[in-house]
């Protein structure tokens, strides 16, 4: 049985991990804590921990993406505000984004094959297949946006696209 919980920050989440009389951790807060550990060397005050090879699970809400980007802040040529400004308008057309670290900041964006796989999908059941031309267009939109956000490396793996900053 799932219950709806709210953490101290006001995040609402469903959980079947309910233990009577015990705290059920908020997955969003846990994720934010993990990102802060991954970037521990640039936190204020700095933490003794960092994870140089790390990425979140796929994020599908603008609010979660912004929260994660804010934890990273700026890192070399990566500026969270610039990345958010470029990423958020195209986010609904993607399946998810995973934000992490490959020594420096990295973002992977999933490119959907079906309309029901997009973040913006509001319908029920199966959507319709997205043409290969449209998929390539979405990949280009992401890569162009990350280029405007000064990414140092851009790559297209077909099902996902990647942006990395040094």
C-alpha atoms as a PDB file:
ATOM      1  CA  UNK A   1       0.000   0.000   0.000  1.00  0.00           C
ATOM      2  CA  UNK A   2       1.357   3.382  -0.988  1.00  0.00           C
ATOM      3  CA  UNK A   3       0.937   6.493   1.090  1.00  0.00           C
ATOM      4  CA  UNK A   4       1.534  10.122   0.166  1.00  0.00           C
ATOM      5  CA  UNK A   5       4.136  11.762   2.353  1.00  0.00           C
ATOM      6  CA  UNK A   6       5.623  15.242   2.620  1.00  0.00           C
ATOM      7  CA  UNK A   7       9.146  15.972   3.812  1.00  0.00           C
ATOM      8  CA  UNK A   8      10.331  19.003   5.791  1.00  0.00           C
ATOM      9  CA  UNK A   9      11.082  20.854   2.539  1.00  0.00           C
ATOM     10  CA  UNK A  10       7.499  20.280   1.349  1.00  0.00           C
ATOM     11  CA  UNK A  11       8.307  17.687  -1.317  1.00  0.00           C
ATOM     12  CA  UNK A  12       5.349  15.344  -1.743  1.00  0.00           C
ATOM     13  CA  UNK A  13       6.101  11.727  -2.652  1.00  0.00           C
ATOM     14  CA  UNK A  14       4.510   8.313  -2.687  1.00  0.00           C
ATOM     15  CA  UNK A  15       6.121   5.506  -0.785  1.00  0.00           C
ATOM     16  CA  UNK A  16       5.379   1.912   0.028  1.00  0.00           C
ATOM     17  CA  UNK A  17       8.365   1.910   2.389  1.00  0.00           C
ATOM     18  CA  UNK A  18       6.259   2.870   5.363  1.00  0.00           C
ATOM     19  CA  UNK A  19       7.461   1.614   8.715  1.00  0.00           C
ATOM     20  CA  UNK A  20       5.162   2.474  11.620  1.00  0.00           C
ATOM     21  CA  UNK A  21       6.824   4.936  13.951  1.00  0.00           C
ATOM     22  CA  UNK A  22       9.817   5.453  11.645  1.00  0.00           C
ATOM     23  CA  UNK A  23      10.746   8.179   9.171  1.00  0.00           C
ATOM     24  CA  UNK A  24      10.316   7.400   5.453  1.00  0.00           C
ATOM     25  CA  UNK A  25      13.064   9.210   3.494  1.00  0.00           C
ATOM     26  CA  UNK A  26      12.122  11.654   0.757  1.00  0.00           C
ATOM     27  CA  UNK A  27      13.627  10.476  -2.551  1.00  0.00           C
ATOM     28  CA  UNK A  28      14.092  14.063  -3.796  1.00  0.00           C
ATOM     29  CA  UNK A  29      15.961  15.119  -0.661  1.00  0.00           C
ATOM     30  CA  UNK A  30      18.073  11.962  -0.856  1.00  0.00           C
ATOM     31  CA  UNK A  31      18.910  12.745  -4.502  1.00  0.00           C
ATOM     32  CA  UNK A  32      19.852  16.339  -3.645  1.00  0.00           C
ATOM     33  CA  UNK A  33      22.066  15.117  -0.806  1.00  0.00           C
ATOM     34  CA  UNK A  34      23.774  12.694  -3.190  1.00  0.00           C
ATOM     35  CA  UNK A  35      24.414  15.467  -5.744  1.00  0.00           C
ATOM     36  CA  UNK A  36      25.846  17.655  -2.965  1.00  0.00           C
ATOM     37  CA  UNK A  37      28.203  14.792  -2.052  1.00  0.00           C
ATOM     38  CA  UNK A  38      29.193  14.292  -5.701  1.00  0.00           C
ATOM     39  CA  UNK A  39      30.143  17.968  -5.834  1.00  0.00           C
ATOM     40  CA  UNK A  40      31.400  18.077  -2.239  1.00  0.00           C
ATOM     41  CA  UNK A  41      34.683  19.713  -3.219  1.00  0.00           C
ATOM     42  CA  UNK A  42      32.864  22.852  -4.429  1.00  0.00           C
ATOM     43  CA  UNK A  43      30.244  23.115  -1.676  1.00  0.00           C
ATOM     44  CA  UNK A  44      30.449  25.929   0.832  1.00  0.00           C
ATOM     45  CA  UNK A  45      31.908  24.805   3.159  1.00  0.00           C
ATOM     46  CA  UNK A  46      33.690  22.091   1.150  1.00  0.00           C
ATOM     47  CA  UNK A  47      32.978  18.483   2.040  1.00  0.00           C
ATOM     48  CA  UNK A  48      35.625  15.791   2.272  1.00  0.00           C
ATOM     49  CA  UNK A  49      33.682  13.666  -0.221  1.00  0.00           C
ATOM     50  CA  UNK A  50      33.256  13.921  -3.995  1.00  0.00           C
ATOM     51  CA  UNK A  51      32.090  11.490  -6.656  1.00  0.00           C
ATOM     52  CA  UNK A  52      33.942  12.038  -9.926  1.00  0.00           C
ATOM     53  CA  UNK A  53      31.900   9.475 -11.904  1.00  0.00           C
ATOM     54  CA  UNK A  54      28.249   9.911 -11.041  1.00  0.00           C
ATOM     55  CA  UNK A  55      24.841  10.694 -12.534  1.00  0.00           C
ATOM     56  CA  UNK A  56      21.312  10.953 -11.206  1.00  0.00           C
ATOM     57  CA  UNK A  57      18.509   8.747 -12.365  1.00  0.00           C
ATOM     58  CA  UNK A  58      16.406  10.374 -15.061  1.00  0.00           C
ATOM     59  CA  UNK A  59      14.776  13.601 -13.869  1.00  0.00           C
ATOM     60  CA  UNK A  60      11.477  14.572 -15.442  1.00  0.00           C
ATOM     61  CA  UNK A  61      10.377  17.732 -13.667  1.00  0.00           C
ATOM     62  CA  UNK A  62      11.696  21.223 -14.232  1.00  0.00           C
ATOM     63  CA  UNK A  63      11.716  21.890 -10.491  1.00  0.00           C
ATOM     64  CA  UNK A  64      13.933  18.872  -9.780  1.00  0.00           C
ATOM     65  CA  UNK A  65      16.294  19.808 -12.622  1.00  0.00           C
ATOM     66  CA  UNK A  66      16.633  23.350 -11.265  1.00  0.00           C
ATOM     67  CA  UNK A  67      17.246  22.069  -7.707  1.00  0.00           C
ATOM     68  CA  UNK A  68      20.056  19.815  -8.914  1.00  0.00           C
ATOM     69  CA  UNK A  69      21.597  22.542 -11.096  1.00  0.00           C
ATOM     70  CA  UNK A  70      21.515  24.986  -8.156  1.00  0.00           C
ATOM     71  CA  UNK A  71      23.536  22.569  -6.029  1.00  0.00           C
ATOM     72  CA  UNK A  72      26.243  22.484  -8.701  1.00  0.00           C
ATOM     73  CA  UNK A  73      26.142  26.246  -9.212  1.00  0.00           C
ATOM     74  CA  UNK A  74      29.203  27.118 -11.242  1.00  0.00           C
ATOM     75  CA  UNK A  75      32.075  24.826 -12.070  1.00  0.00           C
ATOM     76  CA  UNK A  76      34.735  25.989 -14.546  1.00  0.00           C
ATOM     77  CA  UNK A  77      32.693  26.928 -17.684  1.00  0.00           C
ATOM     78  CA  UNK A  78      29.451  25.402 -16.322  1.00  0.00           C
ATOM     79  CA  UNK A  79      26.984  28.004 -15.026  1.00  0.00           C
ATOM     80  CA  UNK A  80      23.740  26.554 -13.659  1.00  0.00           C
ATOM     81  CA  UNK A  81      21.628  29.609 -14.554  1.00  0.00           C
ATOM     82  CA  UNK A  82      22.796  29.527 -18.191  1.00  0.00           C
ATOM     83  CA  UNK A  83      22.187  25.785 -18.447  1.00  0.00           C
ATOM     84  CA  UNK A  84      18.704  26.080 -16.900  1.00  0.00           C
ATOM     85  CA  UNK A  85      17.770  28.974 -19.194  1.00  0.00           C
ATOM     86  CA  UNK A  86      18.680  26.868 -22.249  1.00  0.00           C
ATOM     87  CA  UNK A  87      17.473  23.465 -21.017  1.00  0.00           C
ATOM     88  CA  UNK A  88      14.056  24.199 -19.506  1.00  0.00           C
ATOM     89  CA  UNK A  89      12.300  25.254 -22.746  1.00  0.00           C
ATOM     90  CA  UNK A  90      13.147  21.938 -24.454  1.00  0.00           C
ATOM     91  CA  UNK A  91      12.794  19.711 -21.371  1.00  0.00           C
ATOM     92  CA  UNK A  92       9.127  18.780 -22.036  1.00  0.00           C
ATOM     93  CA  UNK A  93      10.045  17.246 -25.412  1.00  0.00           C
ATOM     94  CA  UNK A  94      12.607  14.866 -23.839  1.00  0.00           C
ATOM     95  CA  UNK A  95      12.063  11.654 -21.877  1.00  0.00           C
ATOM     96  CA  UNK A  96      14.304  12.770 -18.998  1.00  0.00           C
ATOM     97  CA  UNK A  97      17.650  14.318 -18.165  1.00  0.00           C
ATOM     98  CA  UNK A  98      20.324  12.786 -15.979  1.00  0.00           C
ATOM     99  CA  UNK A  99      22.736  15.260 -14.427  1.00  0.00           C
ATOM    100  CA  UNK A 100      26.035  14.131 -13.063  1.00  0.00           C
ATOM    101  CA  UNK A 101      29.735  14.342 -13.062  1.00  0.00           C
ATOM    102  CA  UNK A 102      32.417  12.830 -15.265  1.00  0.00           C
ATOM    103  CA  UNK A 103      35.101  14.694 -13.338  1.00  0.00           C
ATOM    104  CA  UNK A 104      33.301  17.844 -14.545  1.00  0.00           C
ATOM    105  CA  UNK A 105      29.547  18.444 -15.019  1.00  0.00           C
ATOM    106  CA  UNK A 106      27.664  16.300 -17.540  1.00  0.00           C
ATOM    107  CA  UNK A 107      24.044  16.115 -18.685  1.00  0.00           C
ATOM    108  CA  UNK A 108      22.458  13.246 -20.591  1.00  0.00           C
ATOM    109  CA  UNK A 109      19.067  13.787 -22.236  1.00  0.00           C
ATOM    110  CA  UNK A 110      16.841  10.932 -23.342  1.00  0.00           C
ATOM    111  CA  UNK A 111      15.303  11.276 -26.810  1.00  0.00           C
ATOM    112  CA  UNK A 112      11.833   9.677 -27.013  1.00  0.00           C
ATOM    113  CA  UNK A 113      10.701   7.177 -29.638  1.00  0.00           C
ATOM    114  CA  UNK A 114       6.994   7.577 -28.771  1.00  0.00           C
ATOM    115  CA  UNK A 115       4.959  10.624 -27.764  1.00  0.00           C
ATOM    116  CA  UNK A 116       3.904   8.957 -24.504  1.00  0.00           C
ATOM    117  CA  UNK A 117       7.576   8.828 -23.474  1.00  0.00           C
ATOM    118  CA  UNK A 118       7.910  12.618 -23.368  1.00  0.00           C
ATOM    119  CA  UNK A 119       7.796  14.617 -20.174  1.00  0.00           C
ATOM    120  CA  UNK A 120       4.951  16.728 -21.601  1.00  0.00           C
ATOM    121  CA  UNK A 121       2.692  13.700 -22.304  1.00  0.00           C
ATOM    122  CA  UNK A 122      -0.735  14.206 -20.767  1.00  0.00           C
ATOM    123  CA  UNK A 123      -2.744  11.585 -22.639  1.00  0.00           C
ATOM    124  CA  UNK A 124      -3.535   8.058 -21.609  1.00  0.00           C
ATOM    125  CA  UNK A 125      -2.317   4.815 -23.119  1.00  0.00           C
ATOM    126  CA  UNK A 126       0.124   4.583 -25.986  1.00  0.00           C
ATOM    127  CA  UNK A 127       1.053   7.652 -27.957  1.00  0.00           C
ATOM    128  CA  UNK A 128       2.218   7.639 -31.544  1.00  0.00           C
ATOM    129  CA  UNK A 129       5.657   6.900 -32.904  1.00  0.00           C
ATOM    130  CA  UNK A 130       7.901   9.963 -33.311  1.00  0.00           C
ATOM    131  CA  UNK A 131       9.487  10.166 -36.762  1.00  0.00           C
ATOM    132  CA  UNK A 132      13.235   9.797 -37.065  1.00  0.00           C
ATOM    133  CA  UNK A 133      13.400  13.343 -38.443  1.00  0.00           C
ATOM    134  CA  UNK A 134      11.606  14.690 -35.351  1.00  0.00           C
ATOM    135  CA  UNK A 135      13.886  12.680 -33.039  1.00  0.00           C
ATOM    136  CA  UNK A 136      16.934  14.141 -34.797  1.00  0.00           C
ATOM    137  CA  UNK A 137      15.406  17.608 -34.496  1.00  0.00           C
ATOM    138  CA  UNK A 138      14.976  17.147 -30.724  1.00  0.00           C
ATOM    139  CA  UNK A 139      18.584  15.952 -30.444  1.00  0.00           C
ATOM    140  CA  UNK A 140      19.770  19.021 -32.362  1.00  0.00           C
ATOM    141  CA  UNK A 141      17.649  21.323 -30.178  1.00  0.00           C
ATOM    142  CA  UNK A 142      19.275  19.915 -27.035  1.00  0.00           C
ATOM    143  CA  UNK A 143      22.794  20.057 -28.493  1.00  0.00           C
ATOM    144  CA  UNK A 144      22.284  23.621 -29.787  1.00  0.00           C
ATOM    145  CA  UNK A 145      20.940  24.711 -26.382  1.00  0.00           C
ATOM    146  CA  UNK A 146      23.917  23.179 -24.569  1.00  0.00           C
ATOM    147  CA  UNK A 147      26.300  24.748 -27.090  1.00  0.00           C
ATOM    148  CA  UNK A 148      24.762  28.137 -26.189  1.00  0.00           C
ATOM    149  CA  UNK A 149      25.396  27.202 -22.526  1.00  0.00           C
ATOM    150  CA  UNK A 150      29.123  26.768 -23.401  1.00  0.00           C
ATOM    151  CA  UNK A 151      29.367  22.956 -23.228  1.00  0.00           C
ATOM    152  CA  UNK A 152      32.835  21.755 -24.194  1.00  0.00           C
ATOM    153  CA  UNK A 153      31.794  18.354 -25.564  1.00  0.00           C
ATOM    154  CA  UNK A 154      28.560  17.404 -27.306  1.00  0.00           C
ATOM    155  CA  UNK A 155      27.656  13.938 -28.558  1.00  0.00           C
ATOM    156  CA  UNK A 156      24.646  12.113 -29.966  1.00  0.00           C
ATOM    157  CA  UNK A 157      24.274   8.433 -29.131  1.00  0.00           C
ATOM    158  CA  UNK A 158      20.911   8.066 -30.891  1.00  0.00           C
ATOM    159  CA  UNK A 159      18.761   7.259 -27.864  1.00  0.00           C
ATOM    160  CA  UNK A 160      20.458   9.924 -25.727  1.00  0.00           C
ATOM    161  CA  UNK A 161      22.514  13.059 -26.203  1.00  0.00           C
ATOM    162  CA  UNK A 162      25.313  14.267 -23.960  1.00  0.00           C
ATOM    163  CA  UNK A 163      26.778  17.632 -22.976  1.00  0.00           C
ATOM    164  CA  UNK A 164      29.934  17.952 -20.866  1.00  0.00           C
ATOM    165  CA  UNK A 165      31.705  20.998 -19.460  1.00  0.00           C
ATOM    166  CA  UNK A 166      35.358  21.218 -18.495  1.00  0.00           C
END
